[in-house]
Amino acid sequence: MSDLQIRPITAEDRSEWDRMFTAYLTFYETSRPKEVFDSSFARLLSGAENEFKGLIALKDGQAIGFTHYLFHRHMWSVENTCYLQDLYVDPALRGTGAGRALIEAVHHEAREAGASGVYWMTQDFNTTARQLYDRVGQLTPFIRYVKPIT
């Protein structure tokens, strides 16, 4: 996808990010209140060392996807590791290389930061994304558990 541009998310991207983040959450059959959108977007722009970062994909100047990632400590290595938390590409443009380009851009940022690697999770029913993930990453045997604070 030669006309694809990937760059850090800026304040000017807010309306398009809202649109895409809403679609991303809808895919996972959830939603979040406006305060979460506001907080999350502020985190992406903070520039703080241990805060989330975000990249946006543009095709012909139009926002078509994003990714959010975070560097954090890992007890099994000296270096930080990189967690790719969210990856979204507009449904009409899936399979065009945009998702791969976003993953590779995060991988590049992780390499530049001296991280030991990049990891991410997805739900088992996300077959379209898993086809890409199987080509660019290595499936691990880990199973994720959660225990909400109530």
Foldseek 3Di string as FASTA:
>chain_A
DVQKDKDWDDPVCLVVCVVFVQVQQVVVVHDDDPVVSVVLVCQCVVPDQFTKHKMFMAGVNHTFWMWIKGWDDDPVDPFTAMETEDITGHPVCQPVCPRVVRVVVVQVVCVVRVHPYYDYDDDPVPVSVVVVCVVVHDDDPDDDDDDDDD
